[in-house]
Amino acid sequence: MLTRKLALALGCALLCQASLPARGTEAPAVVATIAPLHSLVTGVMDGVGRPHLLLPGGASPHSYALKPSDARRLAEARVVFWIGETLEAFLERPLAALAGKARVIELLDAPGLVRLPVREGGVWETHEDDHAKDGTENHGHAKDGHEAHKGADAHVWLDPANARAMVAAIAAALAEADPANAGAYAANARAMNVRLDALDTRIAARLASVKERPYIVFHDAYQYFERRYGLRPAGAVTVGSGRAPGARRRVELRARIRDSGAGCVFIEPQFEPRIAQTVVEGTDARIDTLDPLGAALTPGPDAYFALLDGLAEGLARCLAGGRADGQPGDGR
């Protein structure tokens, strides 16, 4: 009996030790570009080390300018995680020049990741067979290799299933760079997957009652989230450059709002609300806010979950007929 207890205690100790950082080992220097990606990397590195977030809250990954401190972080890094040149185009040359000794992981190439093509134009016709009824159907097919994501929508993190694929790739890359802590990375990845499954279930339940209600977004950043949960986006205010829509475009959008029955137009924190106000003028649409990057969130392992919960809450609230302040919407 005593021998069995000792064996069980030893087994438990070995199992627990596998999930802890190895003694005497220093965590590798790791850089992650955007807040949602940094959050996933932070979760996988929990108890071992903490990655550096390259882009501060509110910074655009399309046009960010590196600071000297950023260049130093890249030069010192052993692993750099980014989505890819499709999103962080500014980083392509600095990575080649500064991170020559680092392993650079482009997560658009993550095995098992689902990639969707960029939607053309700013008006989309949504039919019942175009979106997933249960959040699992009609996704694009995952393909491995750099050529597979040319022309792909880069906002891949907004689908929790893609986050699982990214977590697996992050854990594998960290284990290769830091074999002494491979057990900890694997255990953390399993814990992250449990949280991602719960998040997926929670969001599907939150959006179930409003998923058939059309809406307009500021720019086309939410396709993966929309496909996952069977939502009905009707179009985007801006196309490509993100500039304020001209008079003709505003007329087209008002017609689209009326024709589709869109109940909400969603802006983003870094853009002036008056842009959306000119679009909804003369319609019954309400204005609310969505943020695909989590600009106001505290960086860390919980930020990714807060980001997607926030998207679900914003959509559900506005599409159900309310505003951010809890009052009925009036379109102004």
C-alpha atoms as a PDB file:
ATOM      1  CA  MET A   1       0.000   0.000   0.000  1.00  0.00           C
ATOM      2  CA  LEU A   2       2.815   2.376   0.920  1.00  0.00           C
ATOM      3  CA  THR A   3       4.670   1.503  -2.281  1.00  0.00           C
ATOM      4  CA  ARG A   4       1.568   2.332  -4.350  1.00  0.00           C
ATOM      5  CA  LYS A   5       1.195   5.702  -2.587  1.00  0.00           C
ATOM      6  CA  LEU A   6       4.834   6.498  -3.227  1.00  0.00           C
ATOM      7  CA  ALA A   7       4.439   5.571  -6.891  1.00  0.00           C
ATOM      8  CA  LEU A   8       1.363   7.776  -7.238  1.00  0.00           C
ATOM      9  CA  ALA A   9       3.120  10.671  -5.517  1.00  0.00           C
ATOM     10  CA  LEU A  10       6.146  10.280  -7.760  1.00  0.00           C
ATOM     11  CA  GLY A  11       3.959  10.159 -10.876  1.00  0.00           C
ATOM     12  CA  CYS A  12       2.112  13.307  -9.816  1.00  0.00           C
ATOM     13  CA  ALA A  13       5.382  15.085  -9.115  1.00  0.00           C
ATOM     14  CA  LEU A  14       6.761  14.191 -12.535  1.00  0.00           C
ATOM     15  CA  LEU A  15       3.547  15.293 -14.256  1.00  0.00           C
ATOM     16  CA  CYS A  16       3.483  18.606 -12.401  1.00  0.00           C
ATOM     17  CA  GLN A  17       7.171  19.165 -13.081  1.00  0.00           C
ATOM     18  CA  ALA A  18       6.577  18.749 -16.823  1.00  0.00           C
ATOM     19  CA  SER A  19       4.324  21.808 -16.829  1.00  0.00           C
ATOM     20  CA  LEU A  20       6.820  24.032 -14.994  1.00  0.00           C
ATOM     21  CA  PRO A  21       9.794  25.865 -16.445  1.00  0.00           C
ATOM     22  CA  ALA A  22      13.034  23.926 -16.215  1.00  0.00           C
ATOM     23  CA  ARG A  23      15.303  25.042 -13.396  1.00  0.00           C
ATOM     24  CA  GLY A  24      18.265  27.137 -14.379  1.00  0.00           C
ATOM     25  CA  THR A  25      16.903  27.919 -17.828  1.00  0.00           C
ATOM     26  CA  GLU A  26      16.222  31.414 -19.062  1.00  0.00           C
ATOM     27  CA  ALA A  27      13.128  32.090 -21.139  1.00  0.00           C
ATOM     28  CA  PRO A  28      13.889  32.982 -24.756  1.00  0.00           C
ATOM     29  CA  ALA A  29      13.369  36.566 -25.887  1.00  0.00           C
ATOM     30  CA  VAL A  30      10.107  36.524 -27.837  1.00  0.00           C
ATOM     31  CA  VAL A  31       8.336  39.280 -29.800  1.00  0.00           C
ATOM     32  CA  ALA A  32       4.694  39.242 -30.939  1.00  0.00           C
ATOM     33  CA  THR A  33       3.308  41.944 -33.195  1.00  0.00           C
ATOM     34  CA  ILE A  34      -0.359  42.678 -32.385  1.00  0.00           C
ATOM     35  CA  ALA A  35      -2.299  42.438 -29.120  1.00  0.00           C
ATOM     36  CA  PRO A  36      -4.489  39.379 -29.958  1.00  0.00           C
ATOM     37  CA  LEU A  37      -1.444  37.412 -31.096  1.00  0.00           C
ATOM     38  CA  HIS A  38       0.588  38.608 -28.105  1.00  0.00           C
ATOM     39  CA  SER A  39      -2.197  37.348 -25.833  1.00  0.00           C
ATOM     40  CA  LEU A  40      -2.066  33.842 -27.318  1.00  0.00           C
ATOM     41  CA  VAL A  41       1.733  33.753 -27.067  1.00  0.00           C
ATOM     42  CA  THR A  42       1.576  35.012 -23.473  1.00  0.00           C
ATOM     43  CA  GLY A  43      -0.811  32.200 -22.581  1.00  0.00           C
ATOM     44  CA  VAL A  44       1.505  29.565 -24.062  1.00  0.00           C
ATOM     45  CA  MET A  45       4.515  31.072 -22.238  1.00  0.00           C
ATOM     46  CA  ASP A  46       2.737  31.323 -18.873  1.00  0.00           C
ATOM     47  CA  GLY A  47       5.149  30.528 -16.039  1.00  0.00           C
ATOM     48  CA  VAL A  48       8.160  30.522 -18.351  1.00  0.00           C
ATOM     49  CA  GLY A  49       8.512  34.073 -19.610  1.00  0.00           C
ATOM     50  CA  ARG A  50       6.643  36.966 -21.179  1.00  0.00           C
ATOM     51  CA  PRO A  51       6.771  38.051 -24.812  1.00  0.00           C
ATOM     52  CA  HIS A  52       7.216  41.659 -25.875  1.00  0.00           C
ATOM     53  CA  LEU A  53       4.258  43.339 -27.616  1.00  0.00           C
ATOM     54  CA  LEU A  54       5.571  45.240 -30.625  1.00  0.00           C
ATOM     55  CA  LEU A  55       2.539  47.384 -31.539  1.00  0.00           C
ATOM     56  CA  PRO A  56       0.997  49.447 -28.731  1.00  0.00           C
ATOM     57  CA  GLY A  57      -2.765  49.691 -28.332  1.00  0.00           C
ATOM     58  CA  GLY A  58      -4.424  51.662 -31.098  1.00  0.00           C
ATOM     59  CA  ALA A  59      -1.487  51.404 -33.520  1.00  0.00           C
ATOM     60  CA  SER A  60      -2.378  50.213 -37.010  1.00  0.00           C
ATOM     61  CA  PRO A  61      -0.503  47.102 -38.186  1.00  0.00           C
ATOM     62  CA  HIS A  62      -0.839  48.427 -41.740  1.00  0.00           C
ATOM     63  CA  SER A  63       1.211  51.579 -41.186  1.00  0.00           C
ATOM     64  CA  TYR A  64       3.180  51.324 -37.927  1.00  0.00           C
ATOM     65  CA  ALA A  65       6.648  52.946 -37.860  1.00  0.00           C
ATOM     66  CA  LEU A  66       9.279  51.110 -35.817  1.00  0.00           C
ATOM     67  CA  LYS A  67      10.967  52.949 -32.958  1.00  0.00           C
ATOM     68  CA  PRO A  68      14.636  52.368 -32.005  1.00  0.00           C
ATOM     69  CA  SER A  69      13.472  50.338 -29.003  1.00  0.00           C
ATOM     70  CA  ASP A  70      11.427  48.117 -31.345  1.00  0.00           C
ATOM     71  CA  ALA A  71      14.461  47.550 -33.544  1.00  0.00           C
ATOM     72  CA  ARG A  72      16.488  46.546 -30.484  1.00  0.00           C
ATOM     73  CA  ARG A  73      13.809  44.060 -29.394  1.00  0.00           C
ATOM     74  CA  LEU A  74      13.776  42.466 -32.841  1.00  0.00           C
ATOM     75  CA  ALA A  75      17.563  42.239 -32.905  1.00  0.00           C
ATOM     76  CA  GLU A  76      17.591  40.487 -29.517  1.00  0.00           C
ATOM     77  CA  ALA A  77      14.681  38.119 -30.206  1.00  0.00           C
ATOM     78  CA  ARG A  78      15.055  34.370 -30.563  1.00  0.00           C
ATOM     79  CA  VAL A  79      11.472  33.960 -31.809  1.00  0.00           C
ATOM     80  CA  VAL A  80       9.247  36.509 -33.564  1.00  0.00           C
ATOM     81  CA  PHE A  81       5.549  35.833 -34.132  1.00  0.00           C
ATOM     82  CA  TRP A  82       3.579  37.817 -36.707  1.00  0.00           C
ATOM     83  CA  ILE A  83       0.489  37.242 -38.821  1.00  0.00           C
ATOM     84  CA  GLY A  84       2.372  37.924 -42.046  1.00  0.00           C
ATOM     85  CA  GLU A  85       3.202  40.538 -44.632  1.00  0.00           C
ATOM     86  CA  THR A  86      -0.458  40.683 -45.686  1.00  0.00           C
ATOM     87  CA  LEU A  87      -1.217  42.402 -42.363  1.00  0.00           C
ATOM     88  CA  GLU A  88       2.058  43.831 -41.006  1.00  0.00           C
ATOM     89  CA  ALA A  89       3.569  44.952 -44.320  1.00  0.00           C
ATOM     90  CA  PHE A  90       5.780  47.472 -42.513  1.00  0.00           C
ATOM     91  CA  LEU A  91       7.670  44.633 -40.834  1.00  0.00           C
ATOM     92  CA  GLU A  92       8.866  42.656 -43.838  1.00  0.00           C
ATOM     93  CA  ARG A  93      12.160  44.514 -44.367  1.00  0.00           C
ATOM     94  CA  PRO A  94      12.938  45.078 -40.651  1.00  0.00           C
ATOM     95  CA  LEU A  95      12.557  41.362 -40.004  1.00  0.00           C
ATOM     96  CA  ALA A  96      15.057  40.567 -42.724  1.00  0.00           C
ATOM     97  CA  ALA A  97      17.486  43.206 -41.473  1.00  0.00           C
ATOM     98  CA  LEU A  98      17.096  43.002 -37.705  1.00  0.00           C
ATOM     99  CA  ALA A  99      15.874  39.538 -36.800  1.00  0.00           C
ATOM    100  CA  GLY A 100      18.379  37.525 -38.766  1.00  0.00           C
ATOM    101  CA  LYS A 101      19.153  35.181 -35.857  1.00  0.00           C
ATOM    102  CA  ALA A 102      15.541  34.796 -34.754  1.00  0.00           C
ATOM    103  CA  ARG A 103      13.087  32.179 -35.843  1.00  0.00           C
ATOM    104  CA  VAL A 104      10.288  34.145 -37.532  1.00  0.00           C
ATOM    105  CA  ILE A 105       6.887  32.439 -37.407  1.00  0.00           C
ATOM    106  CA  GLU A 106       4.314  33.676 -39.917  1.00  0.00           C
ATOM    107  CA  LEU A 107       1.052  32.450 -38.456  1.00  0.00           C
ATOM    108  CA  LEU A 108      -0.875  32.722 -41.715  1.00  0.00           C
ATOM    109  CA  ASP A 109       1.148  29.583 -42.494  1.00  0.00           C
ATOM    110  CA  ALA A 110       0.056  27.729 -39.334  1.00  0.00           C
ATOM    111  CA  PRO A 111      -0.995  24.138 -40.109  1.00  0.00           C
ATOM    112  CA  GLY A 112      -4.769  23.703 -39.938  1.00  0.00           C
ATOM    113  CA  LEU A 113      -5.477  27.434 -40.164  1.00  0.00           C
ATOM    114  CA  VAL A 114      -8.560  28.323 -42.215  1.00  0.00           C
ATOM    115  CA  ARG A 115      -7.998  31.191 -44.645  1.00  0.00           C
ATOM    116  CA  LEU A 116     -10.764  33.063 -46.443  1.00  0.00           C
ATOM    117  CA  PRO A 117     -10.317  35.216 -49.567  1.00  0.00           C
ATOM    118  CA  VAL A 118     -10.622  38.972 -49.244  1.00  0.00           C
ATOM    119  CA  ARG A 119     -14.150  40.106 -50.086  1.00  0.00           C
ATOM    120  CA  GLU A 120     -14.447  42.402 -53.064  1.00  0.00           C
ATOM    121  CA  GLY A 121     -16.087  45.804 -52.744  1.00  0.00           C
ATOM    122  CA  GLY A 122     -17.996  47.132 -49.787  1.00  0.00           C
ATOM    123  CA  VAL A 123     -21.436  45.584 -50.329  1.00  0.00           C
ATOM    124  CA  TRP A 124     -22.035  41.894 -49.752  1.00  0.00           C
ATOM    125  CA  GLU A 125     -25.117  39.875 -50.523  1.00  0.00           C
ATOM    126  CA  THR A 126     -25.722  37.370 -47.743  1.00  0.00           C
ATOM    127  CA  HIS A 127     -27.687  34.221 -48.443  1.00  0.00           C
ATOM    128  CA  GLU A 128     -28.527  31.418 -46.098  1.00  0.00           C
ATOM    129  CA  ASP A 129     -26.058  29.045 -47.708  1.00  0.00           C
ATOM    130  CA  ASP A 130     -23.256  31.640 -47.591  1.00  0.00           C
ATOM    131  CA  HIS A 131     -22.732  31.502 -43.853  1.00  0.00           C
ATOM    132  CA  ALA A 132     -22.376  28.734 -41.322  1.00  0.00           C
ATOM    133  CA  LYS A 133     -25.523  27.773 -39.469  1.00  0.00           C
ATOM    134  CA  ASP A 134     -23.670  26.338 -36.513  1.00  0.00           C
ATOM    135  CA  GLY A 135     -20.300  28.046 -36.801  1.00  0.00           C
ATOM    136  CA  THR A 136     -18.568  25.067 -38.379  1.00  0.00           C
ATOM    137  CA  GLU A 137     -19.712  24.922 -42.022  1.00  0.00           C
ATOM    138  CA  ASN A 138     -18.652  26.672 -45.204  1.00  0.00           C
ATOM    139  CA  HIS A 139     -15.235  27.811 -44.064  1.00  0.00           C
ATOM    140  CA  GLY A 140     -12.490  28.142 -46.638  1.00  0.00           C
ATOM    141  CA  HIS A 141     -10.120  25.211 -46.888  1.00  0.00           C
ATOM    142  CA  ALA A 142      -6.855  25.225 -44.974  1.00  0.00           C
ATOM    143  CA  LYS A 143      -3.762  24.884 -47.131  1.00  0.00           C
ATOM    144  CA  ASP A 144      -0.173  24.806 -46.045  1.00  0.00           C
ATOM    145  CA  GLY A 145       2.560  26.883 -47.643  1.00  0.00           C
ATOM    146  CA  HIS A 146       3.256  30.556 -48.318  1.00  0.00           C
ATOM    147  CA  GLU A 147       1.444  30.636 -51.677  1.00  0.00           C
ATOM    148  CA  ALA A 148      -1.789  29.464 -50.053  1.00  0.00           C
ATOM    149  CA  HIS A 149      -2.444  32.772 -48.319  1.00  0.00           C
ATOM    150  CA  LYS A 150      -1.872  35.177 -51.196  1.00  0.00           C
ATOM    151  CA  GLY A 151      -5.052  37.208 -51.438  1.00  0.00           C
ATOM    152  CA  ALA A 152      -6.293  35.886 -48.095  1.00  0.00           C
ATOM    153  CA  ASP A 153      -8.069  37.979 -45.480  1.00  0.00           C
ATOM    154  CA  ALA A 154      -5.425  38.405 -42.759  1.00  0.00           C
ATOM    155  CA  HIS A 155      -7.782  38.866 -39.772  1.00  0.00           C
ATOM    156  CA  VAL A 156      -7.537  35.152 -39.018  1.00  0.00           C
ATOM    157  CA  TRP A 157      -7.421  35.497 -35.220  1.00  0.00           C
ATOM    158  CA  LEU A 158     -11.121  36.409 -35.040  1.00  0.00           C
ATOM    159  CA  ASP A 159     -12.126  32.740 -35.322  1.00  0.00           C
ATOM    160  CA  PRO A 160     -11.410  30.728 -32.129  1.00  0.00           C
ATOM    161  CA  ALA A 161     -10.821  27.642 -34.272  1.00  0.00           C
ATOM    162  CA  ASN A 162      -7.988  29.502 -35.976  1.00  0.00           C
ATOM    163  CA  ALA A 163      -6.713  30.564 -32.570  1.00  0.00           C
ATOM    164  CA  ARG A 164      -6.381  26.870 -31.692  1.00  0.00           C
ATOM    165  CA  ALA A 165      -4.255  26.307 -34.803  1.00  0.00           C
ATOM    166  CA  MET A 166      -2.149  29.332 -33.910  1.00  0.00           C
ATOM    167  CA  VAL A 167      -1.666  28.131 -30.321  1.00  0.00           C
ATOM    168  CA  ALA A 168      -0.421  24.773 -31.626  1.00  0.00           C
ATOM    169  CA  ALA A 169       2.060  26.497 -33.959  1.00  0.00           C
ATOM    170  CA  ILE A 170       3.201  28.851 -31.176  1.00  0.00           C
ATOM    171  CA  ALA A 171       3.797  25.971 -28.745  1.00  0.00           C
ATOM    172  CA  ALA A 172       5.709  23.982 -31.371  1.00  0.00           C
ATOM    173  CA  ALA A 173       7.944  26.935 -32.281  1.00  0.00           C
ATOM    174  CA  LEU A 174       8.698  27.746 -28.647  1.00  0.00           C
ATOM    175  CA  ALA A 175       9.469  24.105 -27.854  1.00  0.00           C
ATOM    176  CA  GLU A 176      11.941  23.977 -30.737  1.00  0.00           C
ATOM    177  CA  ALA A 177      13.622  27.202 -29.614  1.00  0.00           C
ATOM    178  CA  ASP A 178      13.549  26.244 -25.924  1.00  0.00           C
ATOM    179  CA  PRO A 179      13.442  22.424 -25.539  1.00  0.00           C
ATOM    180  CA  ALA A 180      14.016  22.610 -21.775  1.00  0.00           C
ATOM    181  CA  ASN A 181      10.564  24.151 -21.329  1.00  0.00           C
ATOM    182  CA  ALA A 182       8.730  22.148 -24.001  1.00  0.00           C
ATOM    183  CA  GLY A 183       6.566  20.438 -21.372  1.00  0.00           C
ATOM    184  CA  ALA A 184       5.395  23.761 -19.992  1.00  0.00           C
ATOM    185  CA  TYR A 185       4.523  25.078 -23.443  1.00  0.00           C
ATOM    186  CA  ALA A 186       2.533  21.941 -24.259  1.00  0.00           C
ATOM    187  CA  ALA A 187       0.626  22.054 -20.963  1.00  0.00           C
ATOM    188  CA  ASN A 188      -0.169  25.743 -21.421  1.00  0.00           C
ATOM    189  CA  ALA A 189      -1.372  25.108 -24.977  1.00  0.00           C
ATOM    190  CA  ARG A 190      -3.796  22.470 -23.682  1.00  0.00           C
ATOM    191  CA  ALA A 191      -5.097  24.901 -21.063  1.00  0.00           C
ATOM    192  CA  MET A 192      -5.531  27.601 -23.729  1.00  0.00           C
ATOM    193  CA  ASN A 193      -7.510  25.211 -25.907  1.00  0.00           C
ATOM    194  CA  VAL A 194      -9.917  24.497 -23.044  1.00  0.00           C
ATOM    195  CA  ARG A 195     -10.484  28.248 -22.677  1.00  0.00           C
ATOM    196  CA  LEU A 196     -10.916  28.675 -26.436  1.00  0.00           C
ATOM    197  CA  ASP A 197     -13.552  25.929 -26.535  1.00  0.00           C
ATOM    198  CA  ALA A 198     -15.465  27.614 -23.726  1.00  0.00           C
ATOM    199  CA  LEU A 199     -15.162  30.993 -25.483  1.00  0.00           C
ATOM    200  CA  ASP A 200     -16.509  29.540 -28.727  1.00  0.00           C
ATOM    201  CA  THR A 201     -19.524  28.037 -26.963  1.00  0.00           C
ATOM    202  CA  ARG A 202     -20.171  31.245 -25.025  1.00  0.00           C
ATOM    203  CA  ILE A 203     -20.102  33.478 -28.096  1.00  0.00           C
ATOM    204  CA  ALA A 204     -22.355  31.190 -30.128  1.00  0.00           C
ATOM    205  CA  ALA A 205     -24.949  31.313 -27.346  1.00  0.00           C
ATOM    206  CA  ARG A 206     -24.635  35.107 -26.990  1.00  0.00           C
ATOM    207  CA  LEU A 207     -25.226  35.738 -30.700  1.00  0.00           C
ATOM    208  CA  ALA A 208     -27.863  33.088 -31.371  1.00  0.00           C
ATOM    209  CA  SER A 209     -30.821  35.471 -31.086  1.00  0.00           C
ATOM    210  CA  VAL A 210     -29.391  38.203 -33.354  1.00  0.00           C
ATOM    211  CA  LYS A 211     -27.377  36.341 -35.981  1.00  0.00           C
ATOM    212  CA  GLU A 212     -29.983  36.842 -38.720  1.00  0.00           C
ATOM    213  CA  ARG A 213     -30.022  40.648 -38.306  1.00  0.00           C
ATOM    214  CA  PRO A 214     -27.983  42.559 -40.933  1.00  0.00           C
ATOM    215  CA  TYR A 215     -25.500  45.322 -40.113  1.00  0.00           C
ATOM    216  CA  ILE A 216     -22.712  47.465 -41.615  1.00  0.00           C
ATOM    217  CA  VAL A 217     -19.099  47.521 -40.355  1.00  0.00           C
ATOM    218  CA  PHE A 218     -16.546  50.304 -40.702  1.00  0.00           C
ATOM    219  CA  HIS A 219     -14.104  48.157 -42.669  1.00  0.00           C
ATOM    220  CA  ASP A 220     -14.029  44.515 -43.648  1.00  0.00           C
ATOM    221  CA  ALA A 221     -12.149  43.074 -40.668  1.00  0.00           C
ATOM    222  CA  TYR A 222     -14.675  40.608 -39.238  1.00  0.00           C
ATOM    223  CA  GLN A 223     -15.215  37.966 -41.907  1.00  0.00           C
ATOM    224  CA  TYR A 224     -13.794  35.108 -39.834  1.00  0.00           C
ATOM    225  CA  PHE A 225     -15.926  35.996 -36.818  1.00  0.00           C
ATOM    226  CA  GLU A 226     -19.013  36.382 -39.023  1.00  0.00           C
ATOM    227  CA  ARG A 227     -18.515  33.046 -40.739  1.00  0.00           C
ATOM    228  CA  ARG A 228     -17.871  31.270 -37.471  1.00  0.00           C
ATOM    229  CA  TYR A 229     -21.125  32.432 -35.915  1.00  0.00           C
ATOM    230  CA  GLY A 230     -23.356  32.672 -38.968  1.00  0.00           C
ATOM    231  CA  LEU A 231     -23.814  36.448 -38.906  1.00  0.00           C
ATOM    232  CA  ARG A 232     -25.257  38.638 -41.678  1.00  0.00           C
ATOM    233  CA  PRO A 233     -22.948  41.552 -42.557  1.00  0.00           C
ATOM    234  CA  ALA A 234     -24.392  43.727 -45.315  1.00  0.00           C
ATOM    235  CA  GLY A 235     -21.337  45.811 -46.165  1.00  0.00           C
ATOM    236  CA  ALA A 236     -18.511  48.099 -45.069  1.00  0.00           C
ATOM    237  CA  VAL A 237     -18.293  51.877 -44.861  1.00  0.00           C
ATOM    238  CA  THR A 238     -14.744  52.048 -46.221  1.00  0.00           C
ATOM    239  CA  VAL A 239     -13.123  50.028 -48.955  1.00  0.00           C
ATOM    240  CA  GLY A 240      -9.364  49.532 -48.975  1.00  0.00           C
ATOM    241  CA  SER A 241      -7.730  52.759 -47.828  1.00  0.00           C
ATOM    242  CA  GLY A 242      -9.954  53.505 -44.821  1.00  0.00           C
ATOM    243  CA  ARG A 243     -10.587  57.079 -45.973  1.00  0.00           C
ATOM    244  CA  ALA A 244     -13.896  58.707 -45.119  1.00  0.00           C
ATOM    245  CA  PRO A 245     -16.557  57.844 -47.731  1.00  0.00           C
ATOM    246  CA  GLY A 246     -17.372  60.480 -50.335  1.00  0.00           C
ATOM    247  CA  ALA A 247     -20.856  61.802 -51.083  1.00  0.00           C
ATOM    248  CA  ARG A 248     -21.653  59.120 -53.656  1.00  0.00           C
ATOM    249  CA  ARG A 249     -20.505  56.353 -51.344  1.00  0.00           C
ATOM    250  CA  ARG A 250     -22.626  57.717 -48.494  1.00  0.00           C
ATOM    251  CA  VAL A 251     -25.710  57.693 -50.733  1.00  0.00           C
ATOM    252  CA  GLU A 252     -24.976  54.072 -51.710  1.00  0.00           C
ATOM    253  CA  LEU A 253     -24.557  53.057 -48.077  1.00  0.00           C
ATOM    254  CA  ARG A 254     -27.813  54.691 -46.997  1.00  0.00           C
ATOM    255  CA  ALA A 255     -29.577  52.798 -49.767  1.00  0.00           C
ATOM    256  CA  ARG A 256     -27.871  49.592 -48.643  1.00  0.00           C
ATOM    257  CA  ILE A 257     -28.951  50.172 -45.038  1.00  0.00           C
ATOM    258  CA  ARG A 258     -32.562  50.682 -46.091  1.00  0.00           C
ATOM    259  CA  ASP A 259     -32.631  47.820 -48.627  1.00  0.00           C
ATOM    260  CA  SER A 260     -30.990  45.287 -46.309  1.00  0.00           C
ATOM    261  CA  GLY A 261     -32.757  46.399 -43.149  1.00  0.00           C
ATOM    262  CA  ALA A 262     -29.398  46.868 -41.419  1.00  0.00           C
ATOM    263  CA  GLY A 263     -30.043  47.870 -37.817  1.00  0.00           C
ATOM    264  CA  CYS A 264     -26.512  48.954 -36.901  1.00  0.00           C
ATOM    265  CA  VAL A 265     -23.425  50.637 -38.313  1.00  0.00           C
ATOM    266  CA  PHE A 266     -20.292  49.768 -36.339  1.00  0.00           C
ATOM    267  CA  ILE A 267     -17.372  52.186 -36.120  1.00  0.00           C
ATOM    268  CA  GLU A 268     -13.914  51.529 -34.661  1.00  0.00           C
ATOM    269  CA  PRO A 269     -12.248  53.409 -31.767  1.00  0.00           C
ATOM    270  CA  GLN A 270      -9.577  55.107 -33.852  1.00  0.00           C
ATOM    271  CA  PHE A 271     -12.044  56.690 -36.296  1.00  0.00           C
ATOM    272  CA  GLU A 272     -14.301  59.697 -35.829  1.00  0.00           C
ATOM    273  CA  PRO A 273     -17.941  58.794 -35.032  1.00  0.00           C
ATOM    274  CA  ARG A 274     -19.132  61.564 -37.346  1.00  0.00           C
ATOM    275  CA  ILE A 275     -18.120  59.404 -40.333  1.00  0.00           C
ATOM    276  CA  ALA A 276     -20.779  56.881 -39.365  1.00  0.00           C
ATOM    277  CA  GLN A 277     -23.228  59.636 -38.486  1.00  0.00           C
ATOM    278  CA  THR A 278     -23.143  60.925 -42.054  1.00  0.00           C
ATOM    279  CA  VAL A 279     -23.825  57.381 -43.275  1.00  0.00           C
ATOM    280  CA  VAL A 280     -26.867  56.666 -41.061  1.00  0.00           C
ATOM    281  CA  GLU A 281     -28.446  60.077 -41.608  1.00  0.00           C
ATOM    282  CA  GLY A 282     -32.044  59.579 -42.687  1.00  0.00           C
ATOM    283  CA  THR A 283     -32.126  55.900 -41.691  1.00  0.00           C
ATOM    284  CA  ASP A 284     -33.143  54.029 -38.550  1.00  0.00           C
ATOM    285  CA  ALA A 285     -29.729  52.435 -38.083  1.00  0.00           C
ATOM    286  CA  ARG A 286     -27.936  52.752 -34.737  1.00  0.00           C
ATOM    287  CA  ILE A 287     -24.233  53.378 -34.199  1.00  0.00           C
ATOM    288  CA  ASP A 288     -22.008  51.282 -31.952  1.00  0.00           C
ATOM    289  CA  THR A 289     -18.339  50.292 -31.761  1.00  0.00           C
ATOM    290  CA  LEU A 290     -16.360  47.162 -32.629  1.00  0.00           C
ATOM    291  CA  ASP A 291     -12.597  46.803 -32.235  1.00  0.00           C
ATOM    292  CA  PRO A 292     -10.828  43.926 -34.030  1.00  0.00           C
ATOM    293  CA  LEU A 293      -7.488  44.596 -32.280  1.00  0.00           C
ATOM    294  CA  GLY A 294      -8.476  45.289 -28.675  1.00  0.00           C
ATOM    295  CA  ALA A 295      -6.811  48.714 -28.547  1.00  0.00           C
ATOM    296  CA  ALA A 296      -8.118  49.529 -25.069  1.00  0.00           C
ATOM    297  CA  LEU A 297      -7.446  46.123 -23.505  1.00  0.00           C
ATOM    298  CA  THR A 298      -4.633  45.395 -21.063  1.00  0.00           C
ATOM    299  CA  PRO A 299      -2.073  43.184 -22.842  1.00  0.00           C
ATOM    300  CA  GLY A 300      -1.797  39.684 -21.435  1.00  0.00           C
ATOM    301  CA  PRO A 301      -3.196  36.153 -21.574  1.00  0.00           C
ATOM    302  CA  ASP A 302      -6.787  37.313 -21.038  1.00  0.00           C
ATOM    303  CA  ALA A 303      -6.816  39.979 -23.750  1.00  0.00           C
ATOM    304  CA  TYR A 304      -7.731  37.614 -26.594  1.00  0.00           C
ATOM    305  CA  PHE A 305     -10.762  36.322 -24.721  1.00  0.00           C
ATOM    306  CA  ALA A 306     -11.841  39.815 -23.701  1.00  0.00           C
ATOM    307  CA  LEU A 307     -11.507  40.931 -27.326  1.00  0.00           C
ATOM    308  CA  LEU A 308     -13.824  38.271 -28.753  1.00  0.00           C
ATOM    309  CA  ASP A 309     -16.273  38.505 -25.853  1.00  0.00           C
ATOM    310  CA  GLY A 310     -16.359  42.258 -26.505  1.00  0.00           C
ATOM    311  CA  LEU A 311     -17.148  41.762 -30.182  1.00  0.00           C
ATOM    312  CA  ALA A 312     -19.997  39.414 -29.308  1.00  0.00           C
ATOM    313  CA  GLU A 313     -21.352  41.785 -26.682  1.00  0.00           C
ATOM    314  CA  GLY A 314     -21.211  44.818 -28.983  1.00  0.00           C
ATOM    315  CA  LEU A 315     -22.961  43.007 -31.814  1.00  0.00           C
ATOM    316  CA  ALA A 316     -25.616  41.464 -29.576  1.00  0.00           C
ATOM    317  CA  ARG A 317     -26.337  44.724 -27.782  1.00  0.00           C
ATOM    318  CA  CYS A 318     -26.754  46.886 -30.870  1.00  0.00           C
ATOM    319  CA  LEU A 319     -28.556  44.321 -32.995  1.00  0.00           C
ATOM    320  CA  ALA A 320     -30.996  43.745 -30.144  1.00  0.00           C
ATOM    321  CA  GLY A 321     -31.845  47.449 -30.266  1.00  0.00           C
ATOM    322  CA  GLY A 322     -29.637  49.073 -27.642  1.00  0.00           C
ATOM    323  CA  ARG A 323     -26.609  51.372 -27.508  1.00  0.00           C
ATOM    324  CA  ALA A 324     -23.365  51.263 -25.571  1.00  0.00           C
ATOM    325  CA  ASP A 325     -24.994  53.314 -22.803  1.00  0.00           C
ATOM    326  CA  GLY A 326     -27.865  50.849 -22.514  1.00  0.00           C
ATOM    327  CA  GLN A 327     -30.429  53.259 -23.993  1.00  0.00           C
ATOM    328  CA  PRO A 328     -32.527  52.570 -27.110  1.00  0.00           C
ATOM    329  CA  GLY A 329     -30.755  53.604 -30.307  1.00  0.00           C
ATOM    330  CA  ASP A 330     -31.900  56.550 -32.372  1.00  0.00           C
ATOM    331  CA  GLY A 331     -29.487  56.448 -35.295  1.00  0.00           C
ATOM    332  CA  ARG A 332     -27.614  59.547 -34.144  1.00  0.00           C
END
